[in-house]
Amino acid sequence: MTMTDDDFREEYKPLHIPAEYFEADTEQNKIIYALAQIGEGSAAMVVDKLEMLQPEIKTEQLVAITKQVLTHLYDKGQIRGKDINGEMHYDLAKITHENYGDVNPELLAPGLD
């Protein structure tokens, strides 16, 4: 099945990170918010944060949904992940350190200076 340009843009649009936690929000937005709050972590760590934000949330379902959402976002390239001791740890791929080094203007392509 081929995607139209609009379908592609919708499917691979930049990830929206909610500014606040809302209990009525989608599961994906809650999970993304929790991941943003912890910075980097496993699905279990994201669930722990969600339970702190909303204590009455159901854990069994939440664990499965969180793993599914994080895996889906990772597979689409919208979040980063790395295997640490056999467990995936995810982050939002934000730049947290300044770039360093020099640029040699002689190596720039014409018109880029």
C-alpha atoms as a PDB file:
ATOM      1  CA  MET A   1       0.000   0.000   0.000  1.00  0.00           C
ATOM      2  CA  THR A   2       1.382   3.395  -0.931  1.00  0.00           C
ATOM      3  CA  MET A   3       0.830   6.494   1.138  1.00  0.00           C
ATOM      4  CA  THR A   4      -0.160   9.865  -0.187  1.00  0.00           C
ATOM      5  CA  ASP A   5       2.000  12.821   0.747  1.00  0.00           C
ATOM      6  CA  ASP A   6      -0.613  13.959   3.262  1.00  0.00           C
ATOM      7  CA  ASP A   7      -0.812  10.484   4.826  1.00  0.00           C
ATOM      8  CA  PHE A   8       2.970  10.385   5.122  1.00  0.00           C
ATOM      9  CA  ARG A   9       3.106  13.837   6.722  1.00  0.00           C
ATOM     10  CA  GLU A  10       0.436  12.845   9.227  1.00  0.00           C
ATOM     11  CA  GLU A  11       2.092   9.524  10.088  1.00  0.00           C
ATOM     12  CA  TYR A  12       5.618  10.934  10.472  1.00  0.00           C
ATOM     13  CA  LYS A  13       4.925  14.419  11.788  1.00  0.00           C
ATOM     14  CA  PRO A  14       7.211  15.636  14.572  1.00  0.00           C
ATOM     15  CA  LEU A  15       6.389  14.285  17.981  1.00  0.00           C
ATOM     16  CA  HIS A  16       4.297  16.626  20.118  1.00  0.00           C
ATOM     17  CA  ILE A  17       5.374  16.727  23.755  1.00  0.00           C
ATOM     18  CA  PRO A  18       2.550  17.910  26.016  1.00  0.00           C
ATOM     19  CA  ALA A  19       3.383  20.815  28.307  1.00  0.00           C
ATOM     20  CA  GLU A  20       1.210  19.428  31.114  1.00  0.00           C
ATOM     21  CA  TYR A  21      -0.251  16.135  32.259  1.00  0.00           C
ATOM     22  CA  PHE A  22      -3.986  15.799  31.721  1.00  0.00           C
ATOM     23  CA  GLU A  23      -5.851  12.739  32.965  1.00  0.00           C
ATOM     24  CA  ALA A  24      -8.280  13.040  30.037  1.00  0.00           C
ATOM     25  CA  ASP A  25      -5.456  13.075  27.444  1.00  0.00           C
ATOM     26  CA  THR A  26      -4.628  10.155  25.136  1.00  0.00           C
ATOM     27  CA  GLU A  27      -2.519   7.297  26.473  1.00  0.00           C
ATOM     28  CA  GLN A  28       0.228   8.198  23.999  1.00  0.00           C
ATOM     29  CA  ASN A  29       0.377  11.809  25.173  1.00  0.00           C
ATOM     30  CA  LYS A  30       0.506  10.696  28.817  1.00  0.00           C
ATOM     31  CA  ILE A  31       3.356   8.300  28.040  1.00  0.00           C
ATOM     32  CA  ILE A  32       5.287  10.932  26.067  1.00  0.00           C
ATOM     33  CA  TYR A  33       4.817  13.437  28.898  1.00  0.00           C
ATOM     34  CA  ALA A  34       6.085  10.922  31.484  1.00  0.00           C
ATOM     35  CA  LEU A  35       9.113  10.066  29.318  1.00  0.00           C
ATOM     36  CA  ALA A  36       9.903  13.762  28.942  1.00  0.00           C
ATOM     37  CA  GLN A  37       9.729  14.164  32.721  1.00  0.00           C
ATOM     38  CA  ILE A  38      12.207  11.356  33.440  1.00  0.00           C
ATOM     39  CA  GLY A  39      14.456  12.180  30.487  1.00  0.00           C
ATOM     40  CA  GLU A  40      15.445   8.590  29.732  1.00  0.00           C
ATOM     41  CA  GLY A  41      14.136   5.268  30.946  1.00  0.00           C
ATOM     42  CA  SER A  42      12.574   1.900  30.370  1.00  0.00           C
ATOM     43  CA  ALA A  43       8.880   1.247  29.926  1.00  0.00           C
ATOM     44  CA  ALA A  44       8.742   0.262  33.616  1.00  0.00           C
ATOM     45  CA  MET A  45      10.266   3.594  34.623  1.00  0.00           C
ATOM     46  CA  VAL A  46       7.727   5.448  32.474  1.00  0.00           C
ATOM     47  CA  VAL A  47       4.920   3.450  34.141  1.00  0.00           C
ATOM     48  CA  ASP A  48       6.296   4.382  37.573  1.00  0.00           C
ATOM     49  CA  LYS A  49       6.194   8.056  36.613  1.00  0.00           C
ATOM     50  CA  LEU A  50       2.640   7.691  35.281  1.00  0.00           C
ATOM     51  CA  GLU A  51       1.573   6.078  38.547  1.00  0.00           C
ATOM     52  CA  MET A  52       3.049   9.040  40.441  1.00  0.00           C
ATOM     53  CA  LEU A  53       1.123  11.460  38.211  1.00  0.00           C
ATOM     54  CA  GLN A  54      -2.141   9.516  38.371  1.00  0.00           C
ATOM     55  CA  PRO A  55      -2.177   7.066  41.307  1.00  0.00           C
ATOM     56  CA  GLU A  56      -5.482   5.389  40.380  1.00  0.00           C
ATOM     57  CA  ILE A  57      -4.232   4.320  36.935  1.00  0.00           C
ATOM     58  CA  LYS A  58      -4.441   0.545  36.250  1.00  0.00           C
ATOM     59  CA  THR A  59      -0.975  -1.013  36.176  1.00  0.00           C
ATOM     60  CA  GLU A  60      -1.475  -4.259  34.164  1.00  0.00           C
ATOM     61  CA  GLN A  61      -3.024  -2.502  31.182  1.00  0.00           C
ATOM     62  CA  LEU A  62      -0.712   0.464  31.500  1.00  0.00           C
ATOM     63  CA  VAL A  63       2.444  -1.652  31.279  1.00  0.00           C
ATOM     64  CA  ALA A  64       1.272  -3.289  28.027  1.00  0.00           C
ATOM     65  CA  ILE A  65       0.112   0.002  26.498  1.00  0.00           C
ATOM     66  CA  THR A  66       3.321   1.785  27.489  1.00  0.00           C
ATOM     67  CA  LYS A  67       5.526  -0.905  25.936  1.00  0.00           C
ATOM     68  CA  GLN A  68       3.418  -0.863  22.772  1.00  0.00           C
ATOM     69  CA  VAL A  69       3.464   2.946  22.426  1.00  0.00           C
ATOM     70  CA  LEU A  70       7.205   3.260  23.117  1.00  0.00           C
ATOM     71  CA  THR A  71       8.033   0.448  20.681  1.00  0.00           C
ATOM     72  CA  HIS A  72       5.820   2.006  18.004  1.00  0.00           C
ATOM     73  CA  LEU A  73       7.398   5.462  18.422  1.00  0.00           C
ATOM     74  CA  TYR A  74      10.878   3.910  18.400  1.00  0.00           C
ATOM     75  CA  ASP A  75      10.133   1.899  15.240  1.00  0.00           C
ATOM     76  CA  LYS A  76       8.931   5.099  13.525  1.00  0.00           C
ATOM     77  CA  GLY A  77      12.128   6.890  14.578  1.00  0.00           C
ATOM     78  CA  GLN A  78      10.303   9.449  16.706  1.00  0.00           C
ATOM     79  CA  ILE A  79      12.144   8.538  19.897  1.00  0.00           C
ATOM     80  CA  ARG A  80      15.553   7.030  20.523  1.00  0.00           C
ATOM     81  CA  GLY A  81      16.195   3.761  22.268  1.00  0.00           C
ATOM     82  CA  LYS A  82      19.136   1.706  23.402  1.00  0.00           C
ATOM     83  CA  ASP A  83      19.480  -1.703  24.967  1.00  0.00           C
ATOM     84  CA  ILE A  84      20.832  -1.548  28.509  1.00  0.00           C
ATOM     85  CA  ASN A  85      21.312  -4.975  30.113  1.00  0.00           C
ATOM     86  CA  GLY A  86      18.621  -6.534  27.919  1.00  0.00           C
ATOM     87  CA  GLU A  87      16.054  -3.787  28.545  1.00  0.00           C
ATOM     88  CA  MET A  88      15.196  -0.987  26.143  1.00  0.00           C
ATOM     89  CA  HIS A  89      15.662   2.530  27.481  1.00  0.00           C
ATOM     90  CA  TYR A  90      14.023   5.342  25.553  1.00  0.00           C
ATOM     91  CA  ASP A  91      14.531   9.084  25.312  1.00  0.00           C
ATOM     92  CA  LEU A  92      13.182  11.928  23.214  1.00  0.00           C
ATOM     93  CA  ALA A  93      16.412  12.440  21.256  1.00  0.00           C
ATOM     94  CA  LYS A  94      16.733  16.016  22.429  1.00  0.00           C
ATOM     95  CA  ILE A  95      20.080  17.741  22.181  1.00  0.00           C
ATOM     96  CA  THR A  96      21.244  18.189  25.765  1.00  0.00           C
ATOM     97  CA  HIS A  97      24.869  19.211  25.187  1.00  0.00           C
ATOM     98  CA  GLU A  98      26.237  22.033  23.088  1.00  0.00           C
ATOM     99  CA  ASN A  99      28.063  21.155  19.917  1.00  0.00           C
ATOM    100  CA  TYR A 100      31.745  21.873  20.142  1.00  0.00           C
ATOM    101  CA  GLY A 101      34.559  22.139  17.665  1.00  0.00           C
ATOM    102  CA  ASP A 102      35.495  24.462  14.883  1.00  0.00           C
ATOM    103  CA  VAL A 103      34.271  24.847  11.348  1.00  0.00           C
ATOM    104  CA  ASN A 104      36.805  25.172   8.576  1.00  0.00           C
ATOM    105  CA  PRO A 105      35.237  27.696   6.154  1.00  0.00           C
ATOM    106  CA  GLU A 106      37.462  26.352   3.357  1.00  0.00           C
ATOM    107  CA  LEU A 107      35.549  23.057   3.459  1.00  0.00           C
ATOM    108  CA  LEU A 108      32.103  24.599   3.135  1.00  0.00           C
ATOM    109  CA  ALA A 109      30.261  24.152  -0.141  1.00  0.00           C
ATOM    110  CA  PRO A 110      29.969  27.326  -2.231  1.00  0.00           C
ATOM    111  CA  GLY A 111      27.065  29.516  -1.179  1.00  0.00           C
ATOM    112  CA  LEU A 112      26.902  28.160   2.388  1.00  0.00           C
ATOM    113  CA  ASP A 113      29.162  30.773   3.954  1.00  0.00           C
END
